[in-house]
Amino acid sequence: MAVSIVIGGQYGSEGKGKVAYLWAEKIGATAVVRVGGANSGHTVYSKDNNKYAMRMLPTASIQGNMTAVLPAGSYIDIPVLLEEIKATGIERDNLKIDPNAMIILEKHKQEEQSRSMQERIGSTLSGTGAAVIDRAARSDDVIFAGDVPELAPFIDDTKEYLRNLLKQGKHIVIEGTQGYGLSNYHTREYPYATSRDTTAAGFLAETGLSPFDVDHIVMTIRAFPIRVAGNSGTFAEEIDWKQVSKESGSKEYFEEKTTVTHRVRRVARFTPDIVKEAILVNRPDVIVLNHLDYIDISHQNVKKLSHKQEEFLARVEKEIGRKISYCGTGTMNLIEMGADI
């Protein structure tokens, strides 16, 4: 068992990209896997403080010493992928794409737009959902990665590649997308959901590995959960970024925008219900609480929690009935909270 799966425990944007990067570094991963489509962006900063917003490649691939894998369950936007390959400078031998990964076509994006999915359910209009539908319908015009000449240098049987790594005792990190609350199967907010399952089991199935391979499930949550802009579902205790900025002690207003659509995210106070359900379904052995700098901006990117942050942490642990393993107070830091891992 040498597989770790990084998942989100709320409605996305919980800091999975940062956590996947740092966890892969911590355990010395040989391969990092990104599942899903181009409908979510994971932000990460390199060691020289360059910012990357990744929609296709796993965040840890920018480290240069790990192989990036896009498995059979991936939905690939070719222009986005090629741009990320260029931006990261990833070497040919460090990227493997399964021939059964599906290609997102322009028609998929147009179909989502024609169905007013952004207005109706807050879709990012990336075409991922329409591509999932085409795949499930066994449409005649589906195109797979193995059919695309531009991707030929990267095509490989990723199931066999990952299995061989495990036989050698190597470590693999699977970087999940979105959050548990957006699972097409398990959300209580349908149709305000993504097009796929967003549980650890769902991500594992898209990768082609066995449950017996899994060593760690790392669940990320955030101090102030978010949902995408617009009509994206009900949101308990919703507030606004002006209130978050004020309560953090910041002298300046701040807000978050989605990586894909660049629209201002909805934000709310922490509530435990969705997190407790995510714990029930995913059974994480590691829980990371991010965005504690929104509780106290004076301790942003600081390696020690302030009293105000400690009080919030204690409240969260009491409400979800679990200890927090790591806390994040900024862009690329995690504070270990007595975790035994």
Protein backbone atom coordinates (compact mmCIF):
# COMPACT_ATOMS: atom_id res chain seq x y z
CA MET A 1 0.00 0.00 0.00
CA ALA A 2 1.63 3.22 -1.12
CA VAL A 3 -1.19 5.35 -2.56
CA SER A 4 -2.43 8.61 -1.01
CA ILE A 5 -5.65 10.27 -2.19
CA VAL A 6 -6.18 14.00 -1.60
CA ILE A 7 -9.84 15.01 -1.48
CA GLY A 8 -11.98 18.04 -0.60
CA GLY A 9 -14.44 17.86 2.30
CA GLN A 10 -16.71 20.78 1.42
CA TYR A 11 -17.63 22.41 -1.92
CA GLY A 12 -14.22 22.70 -3.56
CA SER A 13 -11.32 25.15 -3.37
CA GLU A 14 -10.23 23.74 -0.01
CA GLY A 15 -6.54 23.94 -0.96
CA LYS A 16 -6.19 20.46 -2.48
CA GLY A 17 -3.51 21.64 -4.93
CA LYS A 18 -1.27 22.96 -2.17
CA VAL A 19 -1.84 19.92 0.01
CA ALA A 20 -1.21 17.46 -2.84
CA TYR A 21 2.04 19.27 -3.67
CA LEU A 22 3.28 19.30 -0.08
CA TRP A 23 2.10 15.75 0.70
CA ALA A 24 3.84 14.39 -2.42
CA GLU A 25 7.01 16.14 -1.31
CA LYS A 26 6.66 14.85 2.27
CA ILE A 27 6.28 11.17 1.33
CA GLY A 28 8.71 11.29 -1.61
CA ALA A 29 6.15 10.38 -4.27
CA THR A 30 7.40 9.05 -7.59
CA ALA A 31 4.16 9.72 -9.50
CA VAL A 32 1.35 12.25 -9.03
CA VAL A 33 -2.05 11.68 -10.64
CA ARG A 34 -4.65 14.29 -11.59
CA VAL A 35 -8.17 12.99 -12.22
CA GLY A 36 -11.27 14.68 -13.65
CA GLY A 37 -11.51 17.46 -16.18
CA ALA A 38 -10.61 21.09 -16.78
CA ASN A 39 -13.49 22.46 -14.72
CA SER A 40 -11.42 23.14 -11.61
CA GLY A 41 -8.17 24.97 -11.06
CA HIS A 42 -5.62 24.11 -8.39
CA THR A 43 -3.26 26.92 -7.41
CA VAL A 44 0.27 26.25 -6.28
CA TYR A 45 3.49 28.23 -5.81
CA SER A 46 6.91 26.93 -6.79
CA LYS A 47 9.93 27.18 -4.51
CA ASP A 48 10.96 30.36 -6.32
CA ASN A 49 7.46 31.77 -5.66
CA ASN A 50 6.08 31.48 -9.19
CA LYS A 51 2.31 30.99 -9.20
CA TYR A 52 0.72 28.19 -11.23
CA ALA A 53 -3.03 27.67 -11.68
CA MET A 54 -3.31 24.09 -12.89
CA ARG A 55 -6.44 22.74 -14.58
CA MET A 56 -4.97 19.58 -16.12
CA LEU A 57 -1.59 18.68 -14.65
CA PRO A 58 -1.17 17.66 -10.99
CA THR A 59 0.35 20.47 -8.95
CA ALA A 60 3.37 18.50 -7.74
CA SER A 61 4.49 18.02 -11.34
CA ILE A 62 6.12 21.47 -11.16
CA GLN A 63 8.69 20.02 -8.76
CA GLY A 64 10.36 18.35 -11.75
CA ASN A 65 11.28 15.10 -10.03
CA MET A 66 7.87 13.39 -10.18
CA THR A 67 6.01 11.84 -13.09
CA ALA A 68 2.62 13.39 -13.85
CA VAL A 69 -0.14 10.95 -14.80
CA LEU A 70 -3.49 11.64 -16.50
CA PRO A 71 -5.33 8.32 -16.19
CA ALA A 72 -8.19 6.75 -18.15
CA GLY A 73 -10.77 8.65 -16.10
CA SER A 74 -9.42 12.03 -17.21
CA TYR A 75 -11.20 14.52 -19.48
CA ILE A 76 -8.58 16.47 -21.39
CA ASP A 77 -8.84 19.97 -22.82
CA ILE A 78 -5.94 19.85 -25.28
CA PRO A 79 -5.18 23.62 -25.53
CA VAL A 80 -5.23 23.92 -21.72
CA LEU A 81 -2.96 20.89 -21.33
CA LEU A 82 -0.49 22.04 -23.96
CA GLU A 83 -0.30 25.48 -22.34
CA GLU A 84 0.44 23.91 -18.95
CA ILE A 85 3.10 21.66 -20.47
CA LYS A 86 4.74 24.78 -21.89
CA ALA A 87 4.36 26.82 -18.70
CA THR A 88 5.75 24.14 -16.40
CA GLY A 89 8.45 22.90 -18.79
CA ILE A 90 7.58 19.32 -17.91
CA GLU A 91 9.79 16.83 -19.72
CA ARG A 92 8.35 14.27 -22.14
CA ASP A 93 9.38 11.36 -19.91
CA ASN A 94 7.68 12.96 -16.90
CA LEU A 95 4.15 12.97 -18.33
CA LYS A 96 2.07 9.89 -19.04
CA ILE A 97 -1.44 10.03 -20.50
CA ASP A 98 -3.65 6.98 -20.74
CA PRO A 99 -4.95 6.29 -24.28
CA ASN A 100 -8.46 5.91 -22.81
CA ALA A 101 -8.54 9.43 -21.37
CA MET A 102 -11.30 11.36 -23.13
CA ILE A 103 -10.89 14.59 -25.10
CA ILE A 104 -13.10 17.60 -24.39
CA LEU A 105 -14.20 19.09 -27.70
CA GLU A 106 -15.47 22.56 -28.55
CA LYS A 107 -18.92 21.08 -29.10
CA HIS A 108 -18.99 20.02 -25.44
CA LYS A 109 -18.40 23.60 -24.31
CA GLN A 110 -21.02 24.92 -26.73
CA GLU A 111 -23.53 22.35 -25.54
CA GLU A 112 -23.16 23.43 -21.93
CA GLN A 113 -23.50 27.06 -22.94
CA SER A 114 -26.61 26.37 -25.05
CA ARG A 115 -28.24 24.68 -22.07
CA SER A 116 -27.62 27.79 -19.90
CA MET A 117 -25.80 25.64 -17.38
CA GLN A 118 -23.88 28.55 -15.85
CA GLU A 119 -27.09 30.41 -15.07
CA ARG A 120 -28.96 27.26 -14.07
CA ILE A 121 -26.45 25.47 -11.79
CA GLY A 122 -23.29 27.61 -11.72
CA SER A 123 -21.37 25.49 -14.25
CA THR A 124 -17.89 26.62 -15.34
CA LEU A 125 -18.83 25.71 -18.96
CA SER A 126 -15.56 23.81 -19.38
CA GLY A 127 -17.28 21.07 -21.39
CA THR A 128 -16.37 18.41 -18.84
CA GLY A 129 -19.96 17.53 -17.97
CA ALA A 130 -21.02 17.27 -21.61
CA ALA A 131 -18.01 15.05 -22.30
CA VAL A 132 -18.99 12.79 -19.40
CA ILE A 133 -22.48 12.50 -20.92
CA ASP A 134 -21.06 11.62 -24.35
CA ARG A 135 -18.86 8.94 -22.82
CA ALA A 136 -21.73 7.41 -20.88
CA ALA A 137 -23.94 7.50 -23.99
CA ARG A 138 -21.28 5.65 -26.03
CA SER A 139 -21.48 8.36 -28.71
CA ASP A 140 -19.93 7.58 -32.10
CA ASP A 141 -17.86 10.76 -32.26
CA VAL A 142 -16.03 10.40 -28.92
CA ILE A 143 -12.29 11.04 -29.23
CA PHE A 144 -9.75 9.53 -26.87
CA ALA A 145 -6.22 10.67 -26.07
CA GLY A 146 -4.78 7.73 -27.98
CA ASP A 147 -6.38 9.10 -31.16
CA VAL A 148 -4.69 12.53 -30.92
CA PRO A 149 -1.31 12.91 -32.72
CA GLU A 150 -0.31 15.89 -30.53
CA LEU A 151 -0.47 13.67 -27.45
CA ALA A 152 1.31 10.67 -28.96
CA PRO A 153 4.67 11.33 -27.20
CA PHE A 154 2.93 11.07 -23.82
CA ILE A 155 0.62 8.10 -24.39
CA ASP A 156 1.18 5.11 -22.11
CA ASP A 157 -0.83 2.44 -20.29
CA THR A 158 -1.03 4.32 -17.01
CA LYS A 159 -2.59 1.38 -15.14
CA GLU A 160 0.42 -0.78 -15.93
CA TYR A 161 2.84 2.06 -15.18
CA LEU A 162 1.32 2.77 -11.77
CA ARG A 163 1.08 -0.92 -10.89
CA ASN A 164 4.77 -1.39 -11.66
CA LEU A 165 5.63 1.52 -9.38
CA LEU A 166 3.69 -0.05 -6.55
CA LYS A 167 5.46 -3.36 -7.08
CA GLN A 168 8.71 -1.46 -6.56
CA GLY A 169 7.42 0.07 -3.32
CA LYS A 170 7.13 3.58 -4.80
CA HIS A 171 4.62 6.18 -3.57
CA ILE A 172 1.78 7.66 -5.63
CA VAL A 173 -0.44 10.67 -4.85
CA ILE A 174 -3.87 11.03 -6.46
CA GLU A 175 -5.03 14.65 -6.56
CA GLY A 176 -8.82 14.78 -6.49
CA THR A 177 -10.93 17.64 -7.80
CA GLN A 178 -13.88 19.66 -6.43
CA GLY A 179 -15.27 18.71 -3.01
CA TYR A 180 -17.43 16.01 -1.47
CA GLY A 181 -20.45 18.33 -1.38
CA LEU A 182 -20.42 18.48 -5.19
CA SER A 183 -20.51 14.71 -5.77
CA ASN A 184 -23.03 13.82 -8.45
CA TYR A 185 -23.91 10.73 -6.41
CA HIS A 186 -23.88 11.95 -2.83
CA THR A 187 -24.83 15.63 -2.85
CA ARG A 188 -28.03 16.68 -1.17
CA GLU A 189 -28.10 19.67 -3.52
CA TYR A 190 -28.69 17.94 -6.88
CA PRO A 191 -28.62 19.29 -9.59
CA TYR A 192 -26.15 21.76 -8.05
CA ALA A 193 -23.30 19.31 -8.43
CA THR A 194 -20.41 18.42 -10.68
CA SER A 195 -20.71 15.66 -13.31
CA ARG A 196 -18.67 13.02 -11.45
CA ASP A 197 -18.28 11.40 -8.07
CA THR A 198 -15.89 13.39 -5.87
CA THR A 199 -15.14 10.80 -3.21
CA ALA A 200 -11.84 9.02 -2.62
CA ALA A 201 -13.40 5.85 -4.04
CA GLY A 202 -14.50 7.73 -7.16
CA PHE A 203 -11.05 9.19 -7.78
CA LEU A 204 -9.45 5.79 -7.26
CA ALA A 205 -11.78 4.20 -9.83
CA GLU A 206 -10.83 6.85 -12.40
CA THR A 207 -7.16 6.03 -11.80
CA GLY A 208 -7.47 2.27 -12.23
CA LEU A 209 -5.95 1.20 -8.92
CA SER A 210 -7.34 -1.07 -6.20
CA PRO A 211 -8.70 -0.10 -2.76
CA PHE A 212 -6.05 -2.46 -1.37
CA ASP A 213 -3.40 -0.05 -2.68
CA VAL A 214 -4.53 2.91 -0.56
CA ASP A 215 -2.41 3.94 2.41
CA HIS A 216 -3.70 7.45 3.20
CA ILE A 217 -6.81 9.50 2.50
CA VAL A 218 -6.01 13.16 3.06
CA MET A 219 -9.09 15.36 3.37
CA THR A 220 -8.80 19.13 3.07
CA ILE A 221 -11.31 21.62 4.47
CA ARG A 222 -11.30 25.38 4.84
CA ALA A 223 -12.22 27.84 7.59
CA PHE A 224 -14.71 29.67 5.36
CA PRO A 225 -16.22 27.28 2.77
CA ILE A 226 -16.98 28.60 -0.72
CA ARG A 227 -19.28 27.83 -3.60
CA VAL A 228 -18.95 29.07 -7.17
CA ALA A 229 -20.67 32.29 -8.17
CA GLY A 230 -24.30 32.46 -9.24
CA ASN A 231 -27.10 29.96 -8.75
CA SER A 232 -24.92 27.18 -7.32
CA GLY A 233 -27.13 25.82 -4.54
CA THR A 234 -28.11 26.63 -0.98
CA PHE A 235 -25.34 27.71 1.37
CA ALA A 236 -25.75 27.68 5.16
CA GLU A 237 -24.68 30.87 6.95
CA GLU A 238 -23.59 32.64 3.75
CA ILE A 239 -21.82 35.96 4.28
CA ASP A 240 -19.69 38.16 1.99
CA TRP A 241 -16.01 38.89 1.51
CA LYS A 242 -16.35 42.29 3.16
CA GLN A 243 -17.30 40.52 6.40
CA VAL A 244 -14.51 37.94 6.05
CA SER A 245 -11.96 40.69 5.42
CA LYS A 246 -13.14 42.68 8.43
CA GLU A 247 -13.19 39.74 10.84
CA SER A 248 -9.70 38.65 9.77
CA GLY A 249 -8.30 41.99 10.91
CA SER A 250 -7.15 42.88 7.41
CA LYS A 251 -6.78 46.57 6.65
CA GLU A 252 -7.61 45.84 3.03
CA TYR A 253 -10.60 44.14 1.41
CA PHE A 254 -9.86 40.77 -0.19
CA GLU A 255 -11.92 38.27 -2.14
CA GLU A 256 -11.48 35.03 -4.06
CA LYS A 257 -12.28 34.38 -7.70
CA THR A 258 -12.54 30.99 -9.39
CA THR A 259 -9.55 29.91 -11.47
CA VAL A 260 -11.67 28.89 -14.47
CA THR A 261 -14.37 31.59 -14.74
CA HIS A 262 -12.70 34.40 -12.71
CA ARG A 263 -16.01 35.13 -11.00
CA VAL A 264 -16.15 36.08 -7.30
CA ARG A 265 -16.84 33.03 -5.16
CA ARG A 266 -19.66 32.82 -2.66
CA VAL A 267 -18.45 32.41 0.93
CA ALA A 268 -19.98 31.28 4.22
CA ARG A 269 -19.13 30.59 7.82
CA PHE A 270 -17.85 27.16 8.78
CA THR A 271 -20.57 24.61 9.47
CA PRO A 272 -19.82 21.00 10.37
CA ASP A 273 -22.59 19.03 8.63
CA ILE A 274 -21.03 18.61 5.17
CA VAL A 275 -17.61 17.88 6.70
CA LYS A 276 -19.02 15.20 9.02
CA GLU A 277 -20.74 13.56 6.06
CA ALA A 278 -17.51 13.69 4.04
CA ILE A 279 -15.69 12.02 6.93
CA LEU A 280 -18.37 9.32 7.13
CA VAL A 281 -18.08 8.46 3.43
CA ASN A 282 -14.32 8.88 2.88
CA ARG A 283 -12.87 7.83 6.26
CA PRO A 284 -9.79 10.10 6.02
CA ASP A 285 -6.85 9.37 8.27
CA VAL A 286 -5.41 12.86 7.71
CA ILE A 287 -7.45 16.09 7.87
CA VAL A 288 -6.03 19.46 6.83
CA LEU A 289 -7.71 22.75 7.83
CA ASN A 290 -6.74 25.56 5.44
CA HIS A 291 -7.31 29.32 5.25
CA LEU A 292 -6.78 29.99 8.94
CA ASP A 293 -5.26 33.31 7.89
CA TYR A 294 -8.88 34.37 7.25
CA ILE A 295 -9.42 33.94 10.98
CA ASP A 296 -6.40 36.09 11.86
CA ILE A 297 -4.59 37.85 9.00
CA SER A 298 -1.76 38.87 11.36
CA HIS A 299 -0.67 35.21 11.32
CA GLN A 300 -0.73 34.74 7.57
CA ASN A 301 2.06 32.41 6.44
CA VAL A 302 3.23 32.12 10.04
CA LYS A 303 4.35 28.71 11.31
CA LYS A 304 2.55 29.10 14.64
CA LEU A 305 -1.14 29.63 15.33
CA SER A 306 -2.38 32.70 17.15
CA HIS A 307 -4.73 32.39 20.12
CA LYS A 308 -7.65 33.34 17.89
CA GLN A 309 -6.74 30.64 15.39
CA GLU A 310 -6.28 28.06 18.14
CA GLU A 311 -9.75 28.83 19.48
CA PHE A 312 -11.24 28.36 16.01
CA LEU A 313 -9.32 25.10 15.55
CA ALA A 314 -10.64 23.75 18.86
CA ARG A 315 -14.19 24.63 17.82
CA VAL A 316 -13.85 22.85 14.48
CA GLU A 317 -12.39 19.72 16.10
CA LYS A 318 -15.26 19.62 18.60
CA GLU A 319 -17.92 20.11 15.93
CA ILE A 320 -16.61 17.48 13.48
CA GLY A 321 -15.53 15.02 16.17
CA ARG A 322 -12.02 14.59 14.74
CA LYS A 323 -8.56 15.96 15.39
CA ILE A 324 -6.99 18.16 12.71
CA SER A 325 -3.66 16.82 11.48
CA TYR A 326 -2.33 19.95 9.75
CA CYS A 327 -3.31 23.61 9.55
CA GLY A 328 -2.65 26.02 6.71
CA THR A 329 -2.27 29.75 7.33
CA GLY A 330 -1.29 30.89 3.84
CA THR A 331 -0.15 30.04 0.35
CA MET A 332 2.25 27.12 0.76
CA ASN A 333 2.59 26.29 4.45
CA LEU A 334 1.18 23.53 6.64
CA ILE A 335 1.62 23.34 10.41
CA GLU A 336 1.69 19.85 11.86
CA MET A 337 -0.69 19.58 14.80
CA GLY A 338 0.75 16.59 16.63
CA ALA A 339 -0.11 14.23 13.78
CA ASP A 340 1.55 10.84 13.94
CA ILE A 341 2.08 10.63 10.17
